[in-house]
Amino acid sequence: MKVYCDSSTKAACYVIEGQSPVFVLYNHQVTVNEGEYLAVISALTDALRRKRTSIELFTDSQLVVSQVNGRWKCNHEHLRVLRDKVRQLTQNQVITIGWIPREENLAGRLLG
């Protein structure tokens, strides 16, 4: 199953393949990178709640993909907490997190 996610500083959008898009409004303004992590966490949480265990998640955030996959260091504590939450959600699951250009990111196009 494919999942697409994206974020702004005010809201996130994710699309689980075959489902309607989901928009999540943040109750406070977040940084771009926090928003990207929160979008991934929301999408994974929902997909796992639906008992989906084989997931290909796509985001246009190279930072999130590279930090979660261990290719880049995570130097900010507030992002480390979010990175670790993503890693916790993917533990013991068949989940890949990959980068996709914004133009090809269905959630990004919907978020505008």
PDB file of N, CA and C in Angstrom:
ATOM      1  N   MET A   1       0.834  -1.161   0.000  1.00  0.00           N
ATOM      2  CA  MET A   1       0.000   0.000   0.000  1.00  0.00           C
ATOM      3  C   MET A   1       0.890   1.240   0.000  1.00  0.00           C
ATOM      4  N   LYS A   2       0.501   2.232  -0.778  1.00  0.00           N
ATOM      5  CA  LYS A   2       1.252   3.478  -0.856  1.00  0.00           C
ATOM      6  C   LYS A   2       0.547   4.562  -0.056  1.00  0.00           C
ATOM      7  N   VAL A   3       1.371   5.384   0.613  1.00  0.00           N
ATOM      8  CA  VAL A   3       0.877   6.508   1.393  1.00  0.00           C
ATOM      9  C   VAL A   3       1.702   7.727   1.015  1.00  0.00           C
ATOM     10  N   TYR A   4       1.029   8.833   0.763  1.00  0.00           N
ATOM     11  CA  TYR A   4       1.696  10.087   0.413  1.00  0.00           C
ATOM     12  C   TYR A   4       1.393  11.109   1.502  1.00  0.00           C
ATOM     13  N   CYS A   5       2.403  11.878   1.911  1.00  0.00           N
ATOM     14  CA  CYS A   5       2.145  12.895   2.929  1.00  0.00           C
ATOM     15  C   CYS A   5       2.968  14.144   2.679  1.00  0.00           C
ATOM     16  N   ASP A   6       2.426  15.265   3.190  1.00  0.00           N
ATOM     17  CA  ASP A   6       3.090  16.552   3.063  1.00  0.00           C
ATOM     18  C   ASP A   6       2.553  17.452   4.158  1.00  0.00           C
ATOM     19  N   SER A   7       3.234  18.586   4.366  1.00  0.00           N
ATOM     20  CA  SER A   7       2.838  19.485   5.432  1.00  0.00           C
ATOM     21  C   SER A   7       3.191  20.921   5.090  1.00  0.00           C
ATOM     22  N   SER A   8       2.479  21.819   5.751  1.00  0.00           N
ATOM     23  CA  SER A   8       2.851  23.226   5.797  1.00  0.00           C
ATOM     24  C   SER A   8       3.104  23.534   7.272  1.00  0.00           C
ATOM     25  N   THR A   9       3.245  24.791   7.604  1.00  0.00           N
ATOM     26  CA  THR A   9       3.437  25.142   9.009  1.00  0.00           C
ATOM     27  C   THR A   9       2.117  25.165   9.777  1.00  0.00           C
ATOM     28  N   LYS A  10       0.990  24.988   9.070  1.00  0.00           N
ATOM     29  CA  LYS A  10      -0.328  25.054   9.709  1.00  0.00           C
ATOM     30  C   LYS A  10      -1.137  23.768   9.608  1.00  0.00           C
ATOM     31  N   ALA A  11      -0.802  22.902   8.636  1.00  0.00           N
ATOM     32  CA  ALA A  11      -1.614  21.707   8.412  1.00  0.00           C
ATOM     33  C   ALA A  11      -0.813  20.631   7.693  1.00  0.00           C
ATOM     34  N   ALA A  12      -1.324  19.423   7.812  1.00  0.00           N
ATOM     35  CA  ALA A  12      -0.738  18.276   7.108  1.00  0.00           C
ATOM     36  C   ALA A  12      -1.811  17.652   6.226  1.00  0.00           C
ATOM     37  N   CYS A  13      -1.349  16.946   5.218  1.00  0.00           N
ATOM     38  CA  CYS A  13      -2.247  16.173   4.369  1.00  0.00           C
ATOM     39  C   CYS A  13      -1.581  14.835   4.111  1.00  0.00           C
ATOM     40  N   TYR A  14      -2.372  13.772   4.174  1.00  0.00           N
ATOM     41  CA  TYR A  14      -1.859  12.475   3.740  1.00  0.00           C
ATOM     42  C   TYR A  14      -2.959  11.730   3.001  1.00  0.00           C
ATOM     43  N   VAL A  15      -2.509  10.883   2.101  1.00  0.00           N
ATOM     44  CA  VAL A  15      -3.427  10.087   1.292  1.00  0.00           C
ATOM     45  C   VAL A  15      -2.974   8.644   1.355  1.00  0.00           C
ATOM     46  N   ILE A  16      -3.834   7.800   1.877  1.00  0.00           N
ATOM     47  CA  ILE A  16      -3.605   6.359   1.867  1.00  0.00           C
ATOM     48  C   ILE A  16      -4.231   5.844   0.585  1.00  0.00           C
ATOM     49  N   GLU A  17      -3.453   5.113  -0.189  1.00  0.00           N
ATOM     50  CA  GLU A  17      -3.909   4.611  -1.484  1.00  0.00           C
ATOM     51  C   GLU A  17      -5.319   4.033  -1.392  1.00  0.00           C
ATOM     52  N   GLY A  18      -6.208   4.532  -2.256  1.00  0.00           N
ATOM     53  CA  GLY A  18      -7.575   4.035  -2.303  1.00  0.00           C
ATOM     54  C   GLY A  18      -8.514   4.690  -1.303  1.00  0.00           C
ATOM     55  N   GLN A  19      -8.006   5.630  -0.504  1.00  0.00           N
ATOM     56  CA  GLN A  19      -8.820   6.306   0.505  1.00  0.00           C
ATOM     57  C   GLN A  19      -8.916   7.799   0.175  1.00  0.00           C
ATOM     58  N   SER A  20      -9.849   8.469   0.811  1.00  0.00           N
ATOM     59  CA  SER A  20      -9.967   9.922   0.669  1.00  0.00           C
ATOM     60  C   SER A  20      -8.807  10.596   1.386  1.00  0.00           C
ATOM     61  N   PRO A  21      -8.388  11.779   0.921  1.00  0.00           N
ATOM     62  CA  PRO A  21      -7.308  12.496   1.604  1.00  0.00           C
ATOM     63  C   PRO A  21      -7.736  12.908   3.009  1.00  0.00           C
ATOM     64  N   VAL A  22      -6.755  12.984   3.886  1.00  0.00           N
ATOM     65  CA  VAL A  22      -6.993  13.413   5.267  1.00  0.00           C
ATOM     66  C   VAL A  22      -6.182  14.674   5.502  1.00  0.00           C
ATOM     67  N   PHE A  23      -6.839  15.691   6.054  1.00  0.00           N
ATOM     68  CA  PHE A  23      -6.180  16.948   6.404  1.00  0.00           C
ATOM     69  C   PHE A  23      -6.168  17.071   7.921  1.00  0.00           C
ATOM     70  N   VAL A  24      -5.027  17.437   8.467  1.00  0.00           N
ATOM     71  CA  VAL A  24      -4.870  17.609   9.904  1.00  0.00           C
ATOM     72  C   VAL A  24      -4.406  19.040  10.151  1.00  0.00           C
ATOM     73  N   LEU A  25      -5.216  19.801  10.893  1.00  0.00           N
ATOM     74  CA  LEU A  25      -4.837  21.172  11.232  1.00  0.00           C
ATOM     75  C   LEU A  25      -4.063  21.153  12.542  1.00  0.00           C
ATOM     76  N   TYR A  26      -2.947  21.839  12.579  1.00  0.00           N
ATOM     77  CA  TYR A  26      -2.168  21.931  13.813  1.00  0.00           C
ATOM     78  C   TYR A  26      -2.806  22.982  14.712  1.00  0.00           C
ATOM     79  N   ASN A  27      -2.778  22.747  16.030  1.00  0.00           N
ATOM     80  CA  ASN A  27      -3.363  23.712  16.957  1.00  0.00           C
ATOM     81  C   ASN A  27      -2.394  24.843  17.296  1.00  0.00           C
ATOM     82  N   HIS A  28      -1.198  24.776  16.738  1.00  0.00           N
ATOM     83  CA  HIS A  28      -0.219  25.859  16.858  1.00  0.00           C
ATOM     84  C   HIS A  28       0.685  25.793  15.629  1.00  0.00           C
ATOM     85  N   GLN A  29       1.336  26.884  15.327  1.00  0.00           N
ATOM     86  CA  GLN A  29       2.223  26.897  14.165  1.00  0.00           C
ATOM     87  C   GLN A  29       3.470  26.077  14.468  1.00  0.00           C
ATOM     88  N   VAL A  30       3.897  25.290  13.511  1.00  0.00           N
ATOM     89  CA  VAL A  30       5.081  24.446  13.645  1.00  0.00           C
ATOM     90  C   VAL A  30       6.090  24.855  12.580  1.00  0.00           C
ATOM     91  N   THR A  31       7.323  24.409  12.738  1.00  0.00           N
ATOM     92  CA  THR A  31       8.317  24.648  11.694  1.00  0.00           C
ATOM     93  C   THR A  31       8.018  23.722  10.517  1.00  0.00           C
ATOM     94  N   VAL A  32       8.612  24.026   9.401  1.00  0.00           N
ATOM     95  CA  VAL A  32       8.427  23.188   8.214  1.00  0.00           C
ATOM     96  C   VAL A  32       8.840  21.745   8.507  1.00  0.00           C
ATOM     97  N   ASN A  33      10.008  21.570   9.133  1.00  0.00           N
ATOM     98  CA  ASN A  33      10.499  20.215   9.399  1.00  0.00           C
ATOM     99  C   ASN A  33       9.650  19.491  10.438  1.00  0.00           C
ATOM    100  N   GLU A  34       9.197  20.201  11.475  1.00  0.00           N
ATOM    101  CA  GLU A  34       8.286  19.578  12.441  1.00  0.00           C
ATOM    102  C   GLU A  34       7.012  19.130  11.750  1.00  0.00           C
ATOM    103  N   GLY A  35       6.486  19.992  10.890  1.00  0.00           N
ATOM    104  CA  GLY A  35       5.271  19.652  10.159  1.00  0.00           C
ATOM    105  C   GLY A  35       5.431  18.422   9.296  1.00  0.00           C
ATOM    106  N   GLU A  36       6.564  18.314   8.619  1.00  0.00           N
ATOM    107  CA  GLU A  36       6.809  17.139   7.774  1.00  0.00           C
ATOM    108  C   GLU A  36       6.837  15.866   8.618  1.00  0.00           C
ATOM    109  N   TYR A  37       7.510  15.929   9.760  1.00  0.00           N
ATOM    110  CA  TYR A  37       7.534  14.767  10.657  1.00  0.00           C
ATOM    111  C   TYR A  37       6.129  14.448  11.168  1.00  0.00           C
ATOM    112  N   LEU A  38       5.377  15.467  11.565  1.00  0.00           N
ATOM    113  CA  LEU A  38       4.025  15.239  12.083  1.00  0.00           C
ATOM    114  C   LEU A  38       3.110  14.642  11.019  1.00  0.00           C
ATOM    115  N   ALA A  39       3.290  15.036   9.768  1.00  0.00           N
ATOM    116  CA  ALA A  39       2.506  14.453   8.679  1.00  0.00           C
ATOM    117  C   ALA A  39       2.819  12.965   8.525  1.00  0.00           C
ATOM    118  N   VAL A  40       4.098  12.616   8.588  1.00  0.00           N
ATOM    119  CA  VAL A  40       4.504  11.204   8.483  1.00  0.00           C
ATOM    120  C   VAL A  40       3.942  10.411   9.657  1.00  0.00           C
ATOM    121  N   ILE A  41       4.040  10.958  10.854  1.00  0.00           N
ATOM    122  CA  ILE A  41       3.526  10.263  12.044  1.00  0.00           C
ATOM    123  C   ILE A  41       2.020  10.056  11.944  1.00  0.00           C
ATOM    124  N   SER A  42       1.284  11.073  11.518  1.00  0.00           N
ATOM    125  CA  SER A  42      -0.174  10.950  11.358  1.00  0.00           C
ATOM    126  C   SER A  42      -0.527   9.884  10.330  1.00  0.00           C
ATOM    127  N   ALA A  43       0.168   9.907   9.201  1.00  0.00           N
ATOM    128  CA  ALA A  43      -0.116   8.939   8.138  1.00  0.00           C
ATOM    129  C   ALA A  43       0.188   7.515   8.578  1.00  0.00           C
ATOM    130  N   LEU A  44       1.336   7.314   9.209  1.00  0.00           N
ATOM    131  CA  LEU A  44       1.699   5.972   9.674  1.00  0.00           C
ATOM    132  C   LEU A  44       0.740   5.472  10.748  1.00  0.00           C
ATOM    133  N   THR A  45       0.392   6.349  11.673  1.00  0.00           N
ATOM    134  CA  THR A  45      -0.528   5.964  12.746  1.00  0.00           C
ATOM    135  C   THR A  45      -1.861   5.515  12.174  1.00  0.00           C
ATOM    136  N   ASP A  46      -2.377   6.263  11.210  1.00  0.00           N
ATOM    137  CA  ASP A  46      -3.649   5.911  10.587  1.00  0.00           C
ATOM    138  C   ASP A  46      -3.533   4.606   9.802  1.00  0.00           C
ATOM    139  N   ALA A  47      -2.487   4.469   9.010  1.00  0.00           N
ATOM    140  CA  ALA A  47      -2.312   3.233   8.215  1.00  0.00           C
ATOM    141  C   ALA A  47      -2.191   2.017   9.121  1.00  0.00           C
ATOM    142  N   LEU A  48      -1.445   2.133  10.202  1.00  0.00           N
ATOM    143  CA  LEU A  48      -1.290   1.003  11.125  1.00  0.00           C
ATOM    144  C   LEU A  48      -2.590   0.721  11.872  1.00  0.00           C
ATOM    145  N   ARG A  49      -3.348   1.757  12.191  1.00  0.00           N
ATOM    146  CA  ARG A  49      -4.652   1.572  12.839  1.00  0.00           C
ATOM    147  C   ARG A  49      -5.592   0.781  11.933  1.00  0.00           C
ATOM    148  N   ARG A  50      -5.417   0.960  10.627  1.00  0.00           N
ATOM    149  CA  ARG A  50      -6.233   0.240   9.644  1.00  0.00           C
ATOM    150  C   ARG A  50      -5.683  -1.157   9.357  1.00  0.00           C
ATOM    151  N   LYS A  51      -4.708  -1.565  10.164  1.00  0.00           N
ATOM    152  CA  LYS A  51      -4.093  -2.901  10.057  1.00  0.00           C
ATOM    153  C   LYS A  51      -3.292  -3.079   8.776  1.00  0.00           C
ATOM    154  N   ARG A  52      -2.779  -1.980   8.234  1.00  0.00           N
ATOM    155  CA  ARG A  52      -1.897  -2.052   7.073  1.00  0.00           C
ATOM    156  C   ARG A  52      -0.483  -2.257   7.590  1.00  0.00           C
ATOM    157  N   THR A  53       0.185  -3.280   7.141  1.00  0.00           N
ATOM    158  CA  THR A  53       1.524  -3.563   7.658  1.00  0.00           C
ATOM    159  C   THR A  53       2.595  -3.527   6.577  1.00  0.00           C
ATOM    160  N   SER A  54       2.210  -3.534   5.321  1.00  0.00           N
ATOM    161  CA  SER A  54       3.173  -3.405   4.239  1.00  0.00           C
ATOM    162  C   SER A  54       2.925  -2.045   3.594  1.00  0.00           C
ATOM    163  N   ILE A  55       3.769  -1.071   3.951  1.00  0.00           N
ATOM    164  CA  ILE A  55       3.509   0.319   3.589  1.00  0.00           C
ATOM    165  C   ILE A  55       4.721   0.918   2.894  1.00  0.00           C
ATOM    166  N   GLU A  56       4.453   1.599   1.777  1.00  0.00           N
ATOM    167  CA  GLU A  56       5.452   2.446   1.126  1.00  0.00           C
ATOM    168  C   GLU A  56       4.992   3.877   1.355  1.00  0.00           C
ATOM    169  N   LEU A  57       5.715   4.612   2.190  1.00  0.00           N
ATOM    170  CA  LEU A  57       5.346   5.992   2.499  1.00  0.00           C
ATOM    171  C   LEU A  57       6.248   6.931   1.727  1.00  0.00           C
ATOM    172  N   PHE A  58       5.648   7.943   1.103  1.00  0.00           N
ATOM    173  CA  PHE A  58       6.402   8.913   0.314  1.00  0.00           C
ATOM    174  C   PHE A  58       6.172  10.317   0.849  1.00  0.00           C
ATOM    175  N   THR A  59       7.260  11.072   0.946  1.00  0.00           N
ATOM    176  CA  THR A  59       7.215  12.470   1.336  1.00  0.00           C
ATOM    177  C   THR A  59       8.221  13.233   0.483  1.00  0.00           C
ATOM    178  N   ASP A  60       7.996  14.537   0.338  1.00  0.00           N
ATOM    179  CA  ASP A  60       8.951  15.337  -0.427  1.00  0.00           C
ATOM    180  C   ASP A  60       9.998  15.986   0.490  1.00  0.00           C
ATOM    181  N   SER A  61      10.065  15.533   1.742  1.00  0.00           N
ATOM    182  CA  SER A  61      11.058  16.051   2.679  1.00  0.00           C
ATOM    183  C   SER A  61      12.301  15.161   2.694  1.00  0.00           C
ATOM    184  N   GLN A  62      13.358  15.631   2.051  1.00  0.00           N
ATOM    185  CA  GLN A  62      14.614  14.873   2.071  1.00  0.00           C
ATOM    186  C   GLN A  62      15.155  14.764   3.488  1.00  0.00           C
ATOM    187  N   LEU A  63      14.933  15.796   4.300  1.00  0.00           N
ATOM    188  CA  LEU A  63      15.412  15.772   5.672  1.00  0.00           C
ATOM    189  C   LEU A  63      14.777  14.618   6.444  1.00  0.00           C
ATOM    190  N   VAL A  64      13.474  14.488   6.385  1.00  0.00           N
ATOM    191  CA  VAL A  64      12.788  13.423   7.119  1.00  0.00           C
ATOM    192  C   VAL A  64      13.244  12.055   6.628  1.00  0.00           C
ATOM    193  N   VAL A  65      13.245  11.854   5.333  1.00  0.00           N
ATOM    194  CA  VAL A  65      13.640  10.559   4.780  1.00  0.00           C
ATOM    195  C   VAL A  65      15.075  10.219   5.182  1.00  0.00           C
ATOM    196  N   SER A  66      15.969  11.170   5.050  1.00  0.00           N
ATOM    197  CA  SER A  66      17.386  10.915   5.333  1.00  0.00           C
ATOM    198  C   SER A  66      17.652  10.721   6.816  1.00  0.00           C
ATOM    199  N   GLN A  67      16.960  11.450   7.681  1.00  0.00           N
ATOM    200  CA  GLN A  67      17.164  11.270   9.118  1.00  0.00           C
ATOM    201  C   GLN A  67      16.548   9.961   9.604  1.00  0.00           C
ATOM    202  N   VAL A  68      15.354   9.644   9.154  1.00  0.00           N
ATOM    203  CA  VAL A  68      14.702   8.402   9.586  1.00  0.00           C
ATOM    204  C   VAL A  68      15.502   7.189   9.119  1.00  0.00           C
ATOM    205  N   ASN A  69      16.027   7.247   7.895  1.00  0.00           N
ATOM    206  CA  ASN A  69      16.779   6.116   7.342  1.00  0.00           C
ATOM    207  C   ASN A  69      18.239   6.095   7.779  1.00  0.00           C
ATOM    208  N   GLY A  70      18.654   7.054   8.621  1.00  0.00           N
ATOM    209  CA  GLY A  70      19.990   7.043   9.202  1.00  0.00           C
ATOM    210  C   GLY A  70      21.102   7.566   8.314  1.00  0.00           C
ATOM    211  N   ARG A  71      20.759   8.223   7.213  1.00  0.00           N
ATOM    212  CA  ARG A  71      21.787   8.767   6.320  1.00  0.00           C
ATOM    213  C   ARG A  71      22.264  10.149   6.757  1.00  0.00           C
ATOM    214  N   TRP A  72      21.407  10.895   7.454  1.00  0.00           N
ATOM    215  CA  TRP A  72      21.771  12.217   7.957  1.00  0.00           C
ATOM    216  C   TRP A  72      21.651  12.224   9.470  1.00  0.00           C
ATOM    217  N   LYS A  73      22.493  13.022  10.116  1.00  0.00           N
ATOM    218  CA  LYS A  73      22.389  13.221  11.554  1.00  0.00           C
ATOM    219  C   LYS A  73      21.175  14.083  11.859  1.00  0.00           C
ATOM    220  N   CYS A  74      20.677  13.926  13.062  1.00  0.00           N
ATOM    221  CA  CYS A  74      19.575  14.757  13.546  1.00  0.00           C
ATOM    222  C   CYS A  74      20.121  15.551  14.725  1.00  0.00           C
ATOM    223  N   ASN A  75      20.436  16.814  14.494  1.00  0.00           N
ATOM    224  CA  ASN A  75      21.132  17.626  15.482  1.00  0.00           C
ATOM    225  C   ASN A  75      20.225  18.408  16.421  1.00  0.00           C
ATOM    226  N   HIS A  76      18.934  18.399  16.213  1.00  0.00           N
ATOM    227  CA  HIS A  76      18.006  19.170  17.039  1.00  0.00           C
ATOM    228  C   HIS A  76      17.133  18.230  17.861  1.00  0.00           C
ATOM    229  N   GLU A  77      17.129  18.438  19.165  1.00  0.00           N
ATOM    230  CA  GLU A  77      16.412  17.548  20.071  1.00  0.00           C
ATOM    231  C   GLU A  77      14.927  17.425  19.716  1.00  0.00           C
ATOM    232  N   HIS A  78      14.274  18.550  19.386  1.00  0.00           N
ATOM    233  CA  HIS A  78      12.840  18.485  19.079  1.00  0.00           C
ATOM    234  C   HIS A  78      12.562  17.635  17.832  1.00  0.00           C
ATOM    235  N   LEU A  79      13.503  17.598  16.886  1.00  0.00           N
ATOM    236  CA  LEU A  79      13.339  16.727  15.712  1.00  0.00           C
ATOM    237  C   LEU A  79      13.730  15.291  16.026  1.00  0.00           C
ATOM    238  N   ARG A  80      14.705  15.094  16.913  1.00  0.00           N
ATOM    239  CA  ARG A  80      15.091  13.734  17.323  1.00  0.00           C
ATOM    240  C   ARG A  80      13.906  12.995  17.937  1.00  0.00           C
ATOM    241  N   VAL A  81      13.128  13.712  18.753  1.00  0.00           N
ATOM    242  CA  VAL A  81      11.938  13.106  19.370  1.00  0.00           C
ATOM    243  C   VAL A  81      10.970  12.631  18.291  1.00  0.00           C
ATOM    244  N   LEU A  82      10.752  13.467  17.282  1.00  0.00           N
ATOM    245  CA  LEU A  82       9.841  13.104  16.195  1.00  0.00           C
ATOM    246  C   LEU A  82      10.416  11.983  15.338  1.00  0.00           C
ATOM    247  N   ARG A  83      11.717  12.052  15.038  1.00  0.00           N
ATOM    248  CA  ARG A  83      12.377  10.986  14.269  1.00  0.00           C
ATOM    249  C   ARG A  83      12.235   9.648  14.993  1.00  0.00           C
ATOM    250  N   ASP A  84      12.462   9.671  16.294  1.00  0.00           N
ATOM    251  CA  ASP A  84      12.374   8.436  17.075  1.00  0.00           C
ATOM    252  C   ASP A  84      10.955   7.886  17.109  1.00  0.00           C
ATOM    253  N   LYS A  85       9.952   8.762  17.099  1.00  0.00           N
ATOM    254  CA  LYS A  85       8.558   8.316  17.045  1.00  0.00           C
ATOM    255  C   LYS A  85       8.286   7.605  15.717  1.00  0.00           C
ATOM    256  N   VAL A  86       8.797   8.150  14.616  1.00  0.00           N
ATOM    257  CA  VAL A  86       8.634   7.498  13.310  1.00  0.00           C
ATOM    258  C   VAL A  86       9.315   6.137  13.331  1.00  0.00           C
ATOM    259  N   ARG A  87      10.520   6.083  13.847  1.00  0.00           N
ATOM    260  CA  ARG A  87      11.238   4.809  13.920  1.00  0.00           C
ATOM    261  C   ARG A  87      10.490   3.798  14.780  1.00  0.00           C
ATOM    262  N   GLN A  88       9.896   4.266  15.871  1.00  0.00           N
ATOM    263  CA  GLN A  88       9.117   3.380  16.741  1.00  0.00           C
ATOM    264  C   GLN A  88       7.912   2.814  15.994  1.00  0.00           C
ATOM    265  N   LEU A  89       7.231   3.663  15.226  1.00  0.00           N
ATOM    266  CA  LEU A  89       6.063   3.210  14.468  1.00  0.00           C
ATOM    267  C   LEU A  89       6.437   2.195  13.396  1.00  0.00           C
ATOM    268  N   THR A  90       7.632   2.320  12.830  1.00  0.00           N
ATOM    269  CA  THR A  90       8.027   1.422  11.739  1.00  0.00           C
ATOM    270  C   THR A  90       8.704   0.150  12.233  1.00  0.00           C
ATOM    271  N   GLN A  91       9.012   0.104  13.522  1.00  0.00           N
ATOM    272  CA  GLN A  91       9.692  -1.061  14.083  1.00  0.00           C
ATOM    273  C   GLN A  91       8.820  -2.308  13.930  1.00  0.00           C
ATOM    274  N   ASN A  92       9.422  -3.398  13.519  1.00  0.00           N
ATOM    275  CA  ASN A  92       8.743  -4.684  13.339  1.00  0.00           C
ATOM    276  C   ASN A  92       7.618  -4.627  12.300  1.00  0.00           C
ATOM    277  N   GLN A  93       7.717  -3.693  11.375  1.00  0.00           N
ATOM    278  CA  GLN A  93       6.739  -3.560  10.300  1.00  0.00           C
ATOM    279  C   GLN A  93       7.483  -3.608   8.968  1.00  0.00           C
ATOM    280  N   VAL A  94       6.748  -3.865   7.907  1.00  0.00           N
ATOM    281  CA  VAL A  94       7.320  -3.816   6.568  1.00  0.00           C
ATOM    282  C   VAL A  94       6.951  -2.448   5.995  1.00  0.00           C
ATOM    283  N   ILE A  95       7.782  -1.457   6.338  1.00  0.00           N
ATOM    284  CA  ILE A  95       7.504  -0.079   5.960  1.00  0.00           C
ATOM    285  C   ILE A  95       8.768   0.534   5.382  1.00  0.00           C
ATOM    286  N   THR A  96       8.622   1.153   4.216  1.00  0.00           N
ATOM    287  CA  THR A  96       9.727   1.927   3.650  1.00  0.00           C
ATOM    288  C   THR A  96       9.285   3.385   3.576  1.00  0.00           C
ATOM    289  N   ILE A  97      10.236   4.263   3.798  1.00  0.00           N
ATOM    290  CA  ILE A  97       9.974   5.692   3.710  1.00  0.00           C
ATOM    291  C   ILE A  97      10.902   6.254   2.650  1.00  0.00           C
ATOM    292  N   GLY A  98      10.305   6.807   1.615  1.00  0.00           N
ATOM    293  CA  GLY A  98      11.105   7.290   0.497  1.00  0.00           C
ATOM    294  C   GLY A  98      10.741   8.701   0.096  1.00  0.00           C
ATOM    295  N   TRP A  99      11.669   9.311  -0.652  1.00  0.00           N
ATOM    296  CA  TRP A  99      11.484  10.669  -1.128  1.00  0.00           C
ATOM    297  C   TRP A  99      10.803  10.660  -2.482  1.00  0.00           C
ATOM    298  N   ILE A 100       9.974  11.668  -2.702  1.00  0.00           N
ATOM    299  CA  ILE A 100       9.305  11.844  -3.985  1.00  0.00           C
ATOM    300  C   ILE A 100       9.295  13.348  -4.282  1.00  0.00           C
ATOM    301  N   PRO A 101       9.491  13.751  -5.530  1.00  0.00           N
ATOM    302  CA  PRO A 101       9.427  15.189  -5.833  1.00  0.00           C
ATOM    303  C   PRO A 101       8.038  15.745  -5.510  1.00  0.00           C
ATOM    304  N   ARG A 102       7.997  16.987  -5.093  1.00  0.00           N
ATOM    305  CA  ARG A 102       6.722  17.607  -4.694  1.00  0.00           C
ATOM    306  C   ARG A 102       5.681  17.516  -5.812  1.00  0.00           C
ATOM    307  N   GLU A 103       6.119  17.685  -7.063  1.00  0.00           N
ATOM    308  CA  GLU A 103       5.158  17.630  -8.182  1.00  0.00           C
ATOM    309  C   GLU A 103       4.486  16.268  -8.296  1.00  0.00           C
ATOM    310  N   GLU A 104       5.136  15.222  -7.804  1.00  0.00           N
ATOM    311  CA  GLU A 104       4.591  13.870  -7.884  1.00  0.00           C
ATOM    312  C   GLU A 104       3.915  13.438  -6.583  1.00  0.00           C
ATOM    313  N   ASN A 105       3.962  14.294  -5.572  1.00  0.00           N
ATOM    314  CA  ASN A 105       3.399  13.970  -4.266  1.00  0.00           C
ATOM    315  C   ASN A 105       1.928  14.353  -4.242  1.00  0.00           C
ATOM    316  N   LEU A 106       1.059  13.354  -4.265  1.00  0.00           N
ATOM    317  CA  LEU A 106      -0.378  13.598  -4.299  1.00  0.00           C
ATOM    318  C   LEU A 106      -0.813  14.464  -3.115  1.00  0.00           C
ATOM    319  N   ALA A 107      -0.295  14.212  -1.933  1.00  0.00           N
ATOM    320  CA  ALA A 107      -0.665  14.996  -0.755  1.00  0.00           C
ATOM    321  C   ALA A 107      -0.198  16.443  -0.888  1.00  0.00           C
ATOM    322  N   GLY A 108       0.973  16.634  -1.439  1.00  0.00           N
ATOM    323  CA  GLY A 108       1.503  17.975  -1.638  1.00  0.00           C
ATOM    324  C   GLY A 108       0.674  18.781  -2.616  1.00  0.00           C
ATOM    325  N   ARG A 109       0.200  18.123  -3.672  1.00  0.00           N
ATOM    326  CA  ARG A 109      -0.651  18.811  -4.643  1.00  0.00           C
ATOM    327  C   ARG A 109      -1.991  19.205  -4.007  1.00  0.00           C
ATOM    328  N   LEU A 110      -2.505  18.347  -3.144  1.00  0.00           N
ATOM    329  CA  LEU A 110      -3.783  18.640  -2.488  1.00  0.00           C
ATOM    330  C   LEU A 110      -3.641  19.722  -1.428  1.00  0.00           C
ATOM    331  N   LEU A 111      -2.498  19.723  -0.753  1.00  0.00           N
ATOM    332  CA  LEU A 111      -2.277  20.705   0.308  1.00  0.00           C
ATOM    333  C   LEU A 111      -2.083  22.104  -0.280  1.00  0.00           C
ATOM    334  N   GLY A 112      -1.541  22.127  -1.494  1.00  0.00           N
ATOM    335  CA  GLY A 112      -1.378  23.388  -2.205  1.00  0.00           C
ATOM    336  C   GLY A 112      -0.259  24.157  -1.678  1.00  0.00           C
TER     337      GLY A 112
END
